[in-house]
Amino acid sequence: MELNSSVSAVVTGAASGLGAATARALAAQGVKVAVFDLNEQAGETVAKEIGGVFCKVNVTSEEEVDAGFEKARAAHGQERLLINCAGVANGFRTAWRDRTTGEAKHFPLEAFDFIIQINLVGAMRCIAKSARGMLALEPLEDGERGVIINTASVAAEDGQIGQAAYSASKGGIVAMTLPIARDLMGEGIRVNAILPGIFQTPLMMAVKEDMKQALAASVPFPKRFGRPEEYASLALEMIRNGYFNGEVVRLDGAIRMAPR
């Protein structure tokens, strides 16, 4: 698909990190971008910077997602592109003993459900609603109507201690990529997923500096965190290259992590 001002896009989680970098990269090609995010101040800032529209959206809310698409389409028309970057993480062992009291505890299940609802169900909510809208579009070259890109994680295949919820949510993204691509193949809508490794995003802000250095050193090459612009670059290539479909691509500097 050629990227230009005739194309509109919705990017979730676009107020920061991978989503913001992708929104900027698309806008630089002339694409009209709608920024979906909960962070109103940051989202408005990104939207203003790229000449887009901000839609305050909690992806766990049916009503907010519907309202977001309605606002985006009123401003830019039906989107041909959906890039799902909205996501959160937490860390709890499945069961453990409190170091102070010795009390046995288990993963708080409401925290498990919270991650699944945002990272997996929220992504599917946006996919289904965007794909339905894309059905009304006139096909482009090769019969293409649209492209959907979802953000998984290397944790989908290589989860660490405390990442049961996060890995489950991202593993779900990986598992549903091919079936959704097959569901939509007759309508000319391509679906792919990117599995980022350790990237410099807001999720990393809470990590202690010595841990950050150790994580960066664990990457085979290059020995650093991934840059959001590198994620955006791959996303744009997936859009441009019409033979990318049903693919799950790691973007991780060849990292394969031992349990830590």
C-alpha atoms as a PDB file:
ATOM      1  CA  MET A   1       0.000   0.000   0.000  1.00  0.00           C
ATOM      2  CA  GLU A   2       1.297   3.429  -0.889  1.00  0.00           C
ATOM      3  CA  LEU A   3       1.362   5.814   2.044  1.00  0.00           C
ATOM      4  CA  ASN A   4       0.066   9.290   1.265  1.00  0.00           C
ATOM      5  CA  SER A   5      -2.647  11.789   2.152  1.00  0.00           C
ATOM      6  CA  SER A   6      -5.373   9.565   0.682  1.00  0.00           C
ATOM      7  CA  VAL A   7      -4.830   7.089   3.539  1.00  0.00           C
ATOM      8  CA  SER A   8      -6.029   7.451   7.118  1.00  0.00           C
ATOM      9  CA  ALA A   9      -4.874   5.513  10.147  1.00  0.00           C
ATOM     10  CA  VAL A  10      -5.811   4.807  13.744  1.00  0.00           C
ATOM     11  CA  VAL A  11      -2.948   4.170  16.164  1.00  0.00           C
ATOM     12  CA  THR A  12      -3.818   3.020  19.679  1.00  0.00           C
ATOM     13  CA  GLY A  13      -1.488   3.861  22.555  1.00  0.00           C
ATOM     14  CA  ALA A  14      -0.184   6.672  20.362  1.00  0.00           C
ATOM     15  CA  ALA A  15       0.470   9.246  23.080  1.00  0.00           C
ATOM     16  CA  SER A  16       3.915   7.780  23.801  1.00  0.00           C
ATOM     17  CA  GLY A  17       6.423   5.058  23.034  1.00  0.00           C
ATOM     18  CA  LEU A  18       5.932   2.743  20.067  1.00  0.00           C
ATOM     19  CA  GLY A  19       2.546   4.219  19.201  1.00  0.00           C
ATOM     20  CA  ALA A  20       3.747   7.820  19.143  1.00  0.00           C
ATOM     21  CA  ALA A  21       6.739   6.901  16.971  1.00  0.00           C
ATOM     22  CA  THR A  22       4.452   5.083  14.547  1.00  0.00           C
ATOM     23  CA  ALA A  23       1.977   7.955  14.431  1.00  0.00           C
ATOM     24  CA  ARG A  24       4.827  10.361  13.624  1.00  0.00           C
ATOM     25  CA  ALA A  25       6.252   8.073  10.937  1.00  0.00           C
ATOM     26  CA  LEU A  26       2.872   7.700   9.239  1.00  0.00           C
ATOM     27  CA  ALA A  27       2.185  11.440   9.379  1.00  0.00           C
ATOM     28  CA  ALA A  28       5.591  12.114   7.816  1.00  0.00           C
ATOM     29  CA  GLN A  29       4.335  10.185   4.778  1.00  0.00           C
ATOM     30  CA  GLY A  30       1.192  12.326   4.600  1.00  0.00           C
ATOM     31  CA  VAL A  31      -1.127   9.812   6.258  1.00  0.00           C
ATOM     32  CA  LYS A  32      -3.980  11.276   8.311  1.00  0.00           C
ATOM     33  CA  VAL A  33      -3.575   9.853  11.816  1.00  0.00           C
ATOM     34  CA  ALA A  34      -5.995   9.500  14.723  1.00  0.00           C
ATOM     35  CA  VAL A  35      -4.275   9.183  18.106  1.00  0.00           C
ATOM     36  CA  PHE A  36      -6.154   6.827  20.473  1.00  0.00           C
ATOM     37  CA  ASP A  37      -4.989   7.014  24.089  1.00  0.00           C
ATOM     38  CA  LEU A  38      -6.118   7.534  27.683  1.00  0.00           C
ATOM     39  CA  ASN A  39      -3.512  10.218  28.349  1.00  0.00           C
ATOM     40  CA  GLU A  40      -5.324  13.320  27.173  1.00  0.00           C
ATOM     41  CA  GLN A  41      -2.482  15.813  27.611  1.00  0.00           C
ATOM     42  CA  ALA A  42       0.188  13.702  25.896  1.00  0.00           C
ATOM     43  CA  GLY A  43      -2.237  12.525  23.230  1.00  0.00           C
ATOM     44  CA  GLU A  44      -3.308  16.048  22.330  1.00  0.00           C
ATOM     45  CA  THR A  45       0.347  17.057  22.122  1.00  0.00           C
ATOM     46  CA  VAL A  46       1.202  14.268  19.673  1.00  0.00           C
ATOM     47  CA  ALA A  47      -1.931  14.911  17.604  1.00  0.00           C
ATOM     48  CA  LYS A  48      -1.138  18.618  17.346  1.00  0.00           C
ATOM     49  CA  GLU A  49       2.467  17.885  16.402  1.00  0.00           C
ATOM     50  CA  ILE A  50       1.490  15.608  13.503  1.00  0.00           C
ATOM     51  CA  GLY A  51      -1.639  17.432  12.377  1.00  0.00           C
ATOM     52  CA  GLY A  52      -3.842  14.565  13.489  1.00  0.00           C
ATOM     53  CA  VAL A  53      -6.851  14.157  15.751  1.00  0.00           C
ATOM     54  CA  PHE A  54      -6.813  12.957  19.361  1.00  0.00           C
ATOM     55  CA  CYS A  55      -9.480  10.556  20.619  1.00  0.00           C
ATOM     56  CA  LYS A  56      -9.549   9.773  24.319  1.00  0.00           C
ATOM     57  CA  VAL A  57     -10.088   6.018  24.347  1.00  0.00           C
ATOM     58  CA  ASN A  58      -9.912   3.289  26.950  1.00  0.00           C
ATOM     59  CA  VAL A  59      -9.689   0.129  24.841  1.00  0.00           C
ATOM     60  CA  THR A  60     -11.514  -1.860  27.530  1.00  0.00           C
ATOM     61  CA  SER A  61     -14.624   0.266  26.997  1.00  0.00           C
ATOM     62  CA  GLU A  62     -16.961  -0.605  24.123  1.00  0.00           C
ATOM     63  CA  GLU A  63     -18.512   2.856  24.268  1.00  0.00           C
ATOM     64  CA  GLU A  64     -15.189   4.726  24.216  1.00  0.00           C
ATOM     65  CA  VAL A  65     -13.809   2.643  21.359  1.00  0.00           C
ATOM     66  CA  ASP A  66     -16.986   3.240  19.324  1.00  0.00           C
ATOM     67  CA  ALA A  67     -16.829   6.971  20.066  1.00  0.00           C
ATOM     68  CA  GLY A  68     -13.145   7.079  19.158  1.00  0.00           C
ATOM     69  CA  PHE A  69     -13.700   5.493  15.755  1.00  0.00           C
ATOM     70  CA  GLU A  70     -16.658   7.781  15.141  1.00  0.00           C
ATOM     71  CA  LYS A  71     -14.577  10.876  15.896  1.00  0.00           C
ATOM     72  CA  ALA A  72     -11.597   9.654  13.848  1.00  0.00           C
ATOM     73  CA  ARG A  73     -13.758   8.826  10.834  1.00  0.00           C
ATOM     74  CA  ALA A  74     -15.590  12.133  11.025  1.00  0.00           C
ATOM     75  CA  ALA A  75     -12.222  13.899  10.791  1.00  0.00           C
ATOM     76  CA  HIS A  76     -10.361  11.671   8.325  1.00  0.00           C
ATOM     77  CA  GLY A  77     -12.782   9.200   6.773  1.00  0.00           C
ATOM     78  CA  GLN A  78     -12.683   5.424   7.173  1.00  0.00           C
ATOM     79  CA  GLU A  79      -9.218   4.256   8.204  1.00  0.00           C
ATOM     80  CA  ARG A  80      -7.273   1.839   6.003  1.00  0.00           C
ATOM     81  CA  LEU A  81      -4.700   1.273   8.734  1.00  0.00           C
ATOM     82  CA  LEU A  82      -4.987   0.135  12.349  1.00  0.00           C
ATOM     83  CA  ILE A  83      -1.841  -0.174  14.461  1.00  0.00           C
ATOM     84  CA  ASN A  84      -2.483  -1.481  17.970  1.00  0.00           C
ATOM     85  CA  CYS A  85       0.180  -0.299  20.418  1.00  0.00           C
ATOM     86  CA  ALA A  86      -1.936   0.201  23.553  1.00  0.00           C
ATOM     87  CA  GLY A  87      -0.666  -2.040  26.332  1.00  0.00           C
ATOM     88  CA  VAL A  88       0.381  -2.354  29.958  1.00  0.00           C
ATOM     89  CA  ALA A  89       2.379  -4.797  32.076  1.00  0.00           C
ATOM     90  CA  ASN A  90       2.608  -5.990  35.663  1.00  0.00           C
ATOM     91  CA  GLY A  91       4.696  -8.457  37.620  1.00  0.00           C
ATOM     92  CA  PHE A  92       3.513 -11.134  40.057  1.00  0.00           C
ATOM     93  CA  ARG A  93       4.709 -14.676  40.611  1.00  0.00           C
ATOM     94  CA  THR A  94       2.017 -17.329  40.344  1.00  0.00           C
ATOM     95  CA  ALA A  95       2.551 -18.122  44.025  1.00  0.00           C
ATOM     96  CA  TRP A  96       5.202 -17.061  46.528  1.00  0.00           C
ATOM     97  CA  ARG A  97       6.045 -16.645  50.186  1.00  0.00           C
ATOM     98  CA  ASP A  98       6.238 -13.187  51.734  1.00  0.00           C
ATOM     99  CA  ARG A  99       9.873 -12.630  52.702  1.00  0.00           C
ATOM    100  CA  THR A 100       8.943 -10.880  55.919  1.00  0.00           C
ATOM    101  CA  THR A 101       5.990 -12.891  57.217  1.00  0.00           C
ATOM    102  CA  GLY A 102       6.363 -16.187  55.351  1.00  0.00           C
ATOM    103  CA  GLU A 103       2.719 -15.927  54.325  1.00  0.00           C
ATOM    104  CA  ALA A 104       1.834 -17.811  51.140  1.00  0.00           C
ATOM    105  CA  LYS A 105       0.309 -15.623  48.424  1.00  0.00           C
ATOM    106  CA  HIS A 106      -0.844 -16.079  44.830  1.00  0.00           C
ATOM    107  CA  PHE A 107      -1.158 -14.000  41.680  1.00  0.00           C
ATOM    108  CA  PRO A 108      -4.034 -11.540  42.271  1.00  0.00           C
ATOM    109  CA  LEU A 109      -6.489 -12.683  39.632  1.00  0.00           C
ATOM    110  CA  GLU A 110      -8.015  -9.240  39.180  1.00  0.00           C
ATOM    111  CA  ALA A 111      -4.527  -8.073  38.132  1.00  0.00           C
ATOM    112  CA  PHE A 112      -4.297 -10.964  35.658  1.00  0.00           C
ATOM    113  CA  ASP A 113      -7.683 -10.088  34.170  1.00  0.00           C
ATOM    114  CA  PHE A 114      -6.720  -6.378  33.969  1.00  0.00           C
ATOM    115  CA  ILE A 115      -3.774  -7.160  31.684  1.00  0.00           C
ATOM    116  CA  ILE A 116      -5.785  -9.535  29.496  1.00  0.00           C
ATOM    117  CA  GLN A 117      -8.618  -7.020  29.114  1.00  0.00           C
ATOM    118  CA  ILE A 118      -6.280  -4.257  27.892  1.00  0.00           C
ATOM    119  CA  ASN A 119      -3.619  -6.091  25.914  1.00  0.00           C
ATOM    120  CA  LEU A 120      -5.699  -8.851  24.338  1.00  0.00           C
ATOM    121  CA  VAL A 121      -9.427  -8.141  24.500  1.00  0.00           C
ATOM    122  CA  GLY A 122      -8.847  -4.419  23.937  1.00  0.00           C
ATOM    123  CA  ALA A 123      -6.787  -5.172  20.841  1.00  0.00           C
ATOM    124  CA  MET A 124      -9.438  -7.524  19.491  1.00  0.00           C
ATOM    125  CA  ARG A 125     -12.144  -4.934  20.154  1.00  0.00           C
ATOM    126  CA  CYS A 126     -10.310  -2.418  17.984  1.00  0.00           C
ATOM    127  CA  ILE A 127      -9.477  -5.014  15.318  1.00  0.00           C
ATOM    128  CA  ALA A 128     -13.064  -6.174  14.910  1.00  0.00           C
ATOM    129  CA  LYS A 129     -14.510  -2.664  14.728  1.00  0.00           C
ATOM    130  CA  SER A 130     -11.832  -1.366  12.376  1.00  0.00           C
ATOM    131  CA  ALA A 131     -12.080  -4.388  10.075  1.00  0.00           C
ATOM    132  CA  ARG A 132     -15.843  -4.017   9.847  1.00  0.00           C
ATOM    133  CA  GLY A 133     -15.365  -0.399   8.787  1.00  0.00           C
ATOM    134  CA  MET A 134     -12.729  -1.352   6.214  1.00  0.00           C
ATOM    135  CA  LEU A 135     -15.245  -3.581   4.427  1.00  0.00           C
ATOM    136  CA  ALA A 136     -16.899  -0.425   3.049  1.00  0.00           C
ATOM    137  CA  LEU A 137     -13.676   0.794   1.398  1.00  0.00           C
ATOM    138  CA  GLU A 138     -13.014   0.498  -2.300  1.00  0.00           C
ATOM    139  CA  PRO A 139     -10.167  -1.960  -2.894  1.00  0.00           C
ATOM    140  CA  LEU A 140      -6.772  -0.676  -4.012  1.00  0.00           C
ATOM    141  CA  GLU A 141      -4.216  -2.469  -6.171  1.00  0.00           C
ATOM    142  CA  ASP A 142      -4.305  -6.263  -5.710  1.00  0.00           C
ATOM    143  CA  GLY A 143      -7.732  -5.903  -4.094  1.00  0.00           C
ATOM    144  CA  GLU A 144      -6.276  -4.521  -0.860  1.00  0.00           C
ATOM    145  CA  ARG A 145      -8.601  -2.673   1.507  1.00  0.00           C
ATOM    146  CA  GLY A 146      -6.559  -2.296   4.673  1.00  0.00           C
ATOM    147  CA  VAL A 147      -3.777  -3.371   6.993  1.00  0.00           C
ATOM    148  CA  ILE A 148      -3.877  -4.214  10.701  1.00  0.00           C
ATOM    149  CA  ILE A 149      -0.700  -4.475  12.781  1.00  0.00           C
ATOM    150  CA  ASN A 150      -0.754  -5.681  16.368  1.00  0.00           C
ATOM    151  CA  THR A 151       1.956  -5.376  19.004  1.00  0.00           C
ATOM    152  CA  ALA A 152       2.877  -8.557  20.824  1.00  0.00           C
ATOM    153  CA  SER A 153       6.206  -9.056  22.628  1.00  0.00           C
ATOM    154  CA  VAL A 154       9.098 -11.486  22.814  1.00  0.00           C
ATOM    155  CA  ALA A 155       7.485 -12.351  26.172  1.00  0.00           C
ATOM    156  CA  ALA A 156       4.851 -14.204  24.140  1.00  0.00           C
ATOM    157  CA  GLU A 157       7.517 -16.835  23.444  1.00  0.00           C
ATOM    158  CA  ASP A 158      10.125 -16.128  26.127  1.00  0.00           C
ATOM    159  CA  GLY A 159       8.297 -14.930  29.226  1.00  0.00           C
ATOM    160  CA  GLN A 160      10.197 -14.120  32.392  1.00  0.00           C
ATOM    161  CA  ILE A 161       9.452 -14.723  36.059  1.00  0.00           C
ATOM    162  CA  GLY A 162       6.419 -12.661  37.064  1.00  0.00           C
ATOM    163  CA  GLN A 163       5.195 -12.225  33.483  1.00  0.00           C
ATOM    164  CA  ALA A 164       2.413 -14.827  33.402  1.00  0.00           C
ATOM    165  CA  ALA A 165      -0.319 -12.264  32.660  1.00  0.00           C
ATOM    166  CA  TYR A 166       1.750 -10.218  30.230  1.00  0.00           C
ATOM    167  CA  SER A 167       2.995 -13.308  28.387  1.00  0.00           C
ATOM    168  CA  ALA A 168      -0.531 -14.729  28.195  1.00  0.00           C
ATOM    169  CA  SER A 169      -1.885 -11.495  26.744  1.00  0.00           C
ATOM    170  CA  LYS A 170       0.892 -11.198  24.170  1.00  0.00           C
ATOM    171  CA  GLY A 171       0.773 -14.903  23.384  1.00  0.00           C
ATOM    172  CA  GLY A 172      -2.886 -14.384  22.551  1.00  0.00           C
ATOM    173  CA  ILE A 173      -1.936 -11.659  20.082  1.00  0.00           C
ATOM    174  CA  VAL A 174       0.478 -14.075  18.386  1.00  0.00           C
ATOM    175  CA  ALA A 175      -2.021 -16.938  18.350  1.00  0.00           C
ATOM    176  CA  MET A 176      -4.823 -14.920  16.768  1.00  0.00           C
ATOM    177  CA  THR A 177      -2.730 -13.267  14.044  1.00  0.00           C
ATOM    178  CA  LEU A 178      -3.023 -16.042  11.469  1.00  0.00           C
ATOM    179  CA  PRO A 179      -6.705 -16.885  12.060  1.00  0.00           C
ATOM    180  CA  ILE A 180      -7.684 -13.211  11.791  1.00  0.00           C
ATOM    181  CA  ALA A 181      -5.622 -12.869   8.605  1.00  0.00           C
ATOM    182  CA  ARG A 182      -7.493 -15.882   7.232  1.00  0.00           C
ATOM    183  CA  ASP A 183     -10.844 -14.480   8.378  1.00  0.00           C
ATOM    184  CA  LEU A 184     -10.188 -11.272   6.438  1.00  0.00           C
ATOM    185  CA  MET A 185      -8.302 -12.600   3.406  1.00  0.00           C
ATOM    186  CA  GLY A 186     -11.382 -12.554   1.195  1.00  0.00           C
ATOM    187  CA  GLU A 187     -11.849  -8.844   1.923  1.00  0.00           C
ATOM    188  CA  GLY A 188      -8.295  -7.795   1.130  1.00  0.00           C
ATOM    189  CA  ILE A 189      -7.314  -6.915   4.710  1.00  0.00           C
ATOM    190  CA  ARG A 190      -3.844  -7.980   5.831  1.00  0.00           C
ATOM    191  CA  VAL A 191      -2.995  -8.725   9.484  1.00  0.00           C
ATOM    192  CA  ASN A 192       0.473  -8.971  11.029  1.00  0.00           C
ATOM    193  CA  ALA A 193       2.115  -8.764  14.450  1.00  0.00           C
ATOM    194  CA  ILE A 194       5.402  -7.364  15.705  1.00  0.00           C
ATOM    195  CA  LEU A 195       7.141  -8.882  18.744  1.00  0.00           C
ATOM    196  CA  PRO A 196       9.401  -6.153  20.173  1.00  0.00           C
ATOM    197  CA  GLY A 197      12.228  -7.075  22.475  1.00  0.00           C
ATOM    198  CA  ILE A 198      13.500  -4.634  25.104  1.00  0.00           C
ATOM    199  CA  PHE A 199      12.546  -1.175  23.873  1.00  0.00           C
ATOM    200  CA  GLN A 200      13.001   2.270  25.368  1.00  0.00           C
ATOM    201  CA  THR A 201       9.369   3.010  26.174  1.00  0.00           C
ATOM    202  CA  PRO A 202       7.457   4.371  29.194  1.00  0.00           C
ATOM    203  CA  LEU A 203       7.063   0.780  30.452  1.00  0.00           C
ATOM    204  CA  MET A 204      10.831   0.810  31.109  1.00  0.00           C
ATOM    205  CA  MET A 205      10.822   4.057  33.086  1.00  0.00           C
ATOM    206  CA  ALA A 206      10.157   2.316  36.408  1.00  0.00           C
ATOM    207  CA  VAL A 207      13.082  -0.095  35.983  1.00  0.00           C
ATOM    208  CA  LYS A 208      16.152   0.727  38.074  1.00  0.00           C
ATOM    209  CA  GLU A 209      19.166   2.054  36.182  1.00  0.00           C
ATOM    210  CA  ASP A 210      21.440  -0.880  37.017  1.00  0.00           C
ATOM    211  CA  MET A 211      18.784  -3.292  35.774  1.00  0.00           C
ATOM    212  CA  LYS A 212      18.402  -1.271  32.574  1.00  0.00           C
ATOM    213  CA  GLN A 213      22.132  -1.539  31.942  1.00  0.00           C
ATOM    214  CA  ALA A 214      22.059  -5.285  32.554  1.00  0.00           C
ATOM    215  CA  LEU A 215      19.108  -5.731  30.215  1.00  0.00           C
ATOM    216  CA  ALA A 216      20.767  -3.699  27.470  1.00  0.00           C
ATOM    217  CA  ALA A 217      23.959  -5.723  27.847  1.00  0.00           C
ATOM    218  CA  SER A 218      21.978  -8.953  27.436  1.00  0.00           C
ATOM    219  CA  VAL A 219      21.015  -8.050  23.857  1.00  0.00           C
ATOM    220  CA  PRO A 220      23.383  -9.883  21.444  1.00  0.00           C
ATOM    221  CA  PHE A 221      23.618  -6.987  18.967  1.00  0.00           C
ATOM    222  CA  PRO A 222      23.249  -4.094  19.091  1.00  0.00           C
ATOM    223  CA  LYS A 223      23.759  -3.970  22.851  1.00  0.00           C
ATOM    224  CA  ARG A 224      21.108  -1.397  23.636  1.00  0.00           C
ATOM    225  CA  PHE A 225      17.380  -1.005  23.947  1.00  0.00           C
ATOM    226  CA  GLY A 226      15.375  -0.867  20.757  1.00  0.00           C
ATOM    227  CA  ARG A 227      14.286   2.573  19.621  1.00  0.00           C
ATOM    228  CA  PRO A 228      10.580   3.276  19.029  1.00  0.00           C
ATOM    229  CA  GLU A 229      11.510   4.585  15.575  1.00  0.00           C
ATOM    230  CA  GLU A 230      12.804   1.106  14.700  1.00  0.00           C
ATOM    231  CA  TYR A 231       9.428  -0.394  15.541  1.00  0.00           C
ATOM    232  CA  ALA A 232       7.737   2.278  13.423  1.00  0.00           C
ATOM    233  CA  SER A 233      10.058   1.533  10.509  1.00  0.00           C
ATOM    234  CA  LEU A 234       9.050  -2.132  10.523  1.00  0.00           C
ATOM    235  CA  ALA A 235       5.368  -1.245  10.828  1.00  0.00           C
ATOM    236  CA  LEU A 236       5.598   0.977   7.747  1.00  0.00           C
ATOM    237  CA  GLU A 237       7.376  -1.741   5.767  1.00  0.00           C
ATOM    238  CA  MET A 238       4.609  -4.207   6.690  1.00  0.00           C
ATOM    239  CA  ILE A 239       2.095  -1.711   5.325  1.00  0.00           C
ATOM    240  CA  ARG A 240       4.006  -0.994   2.106  1.00  0.00           C
ATOM    241  CA  ASN A 241       4.912  -4.600   1.328  1.00  0.00           C
ATOM    242  CA  GLY A 242       1.722  -6.267   0.119  1.00  0.00           C
ATOM    243  CA  TYR A 243       3.095  -9.781   0.643  1.00  0.00           C
ATOM    244  CA  PHE A 244       3.350  -9.348   4.407  1.00  0.00           C
ATOM    245  CA  ASN A 245       0.294 -11.188   5.724  1.00  0.00           C
ATOM    246  CA  GLY A 246      -0.338 -13.469   8.677  1.00  0.00           C
ATOM    247  CA  GLU A 247       3.232 -12.862   9.836  1.00  0.00           C
ATOM    248  CA  VAL A 248       4.611 -12.673  13.372  1.00  0.00           C
ATOM    249  CA  VAL A 249       7.990 -10.922  13.328  1.00  0.00           C
ATOM    250  CA  ARG A 250      10.453 -10.585  16.219  1.00  0.00           C
ATOM    251  CA  LEU A 251      12.261  -7.247  16.508  1.00  0.00           C
ATOM    252  CA  ASP A 252      14.626  -7.940  19.358  1.00  0.00           C
ATOM    253  CA  GLY A 253      18.338  -7.780  18.488  1.00  0.00           C
ATOM    254  CA  ALA A 254      18.441 -11.616  18.610  1.00  0.00           C
ATOM    255  CA  ILE A 255      17.770 -11.696  22.353  1.00  0.00           C
ATOM    256  CA  ARG A 256      16.873 -15.028  23.935  1.00  0.00           C
ATOM    257  CA  MET A 257      16.574 -14.500  27.652  1.00  0.00           C
ATOM    258  CA  ALA A 258      17.453 -16.840  30.473  1.00  0.00           C
ATOM    259  CA  PRO A 259      14.922 -16.757  33.350  1.00  0.00           C
ATOM    260  CA  ARG A 260      15.530 -13.790  35.648  1.00  0.00           C
END
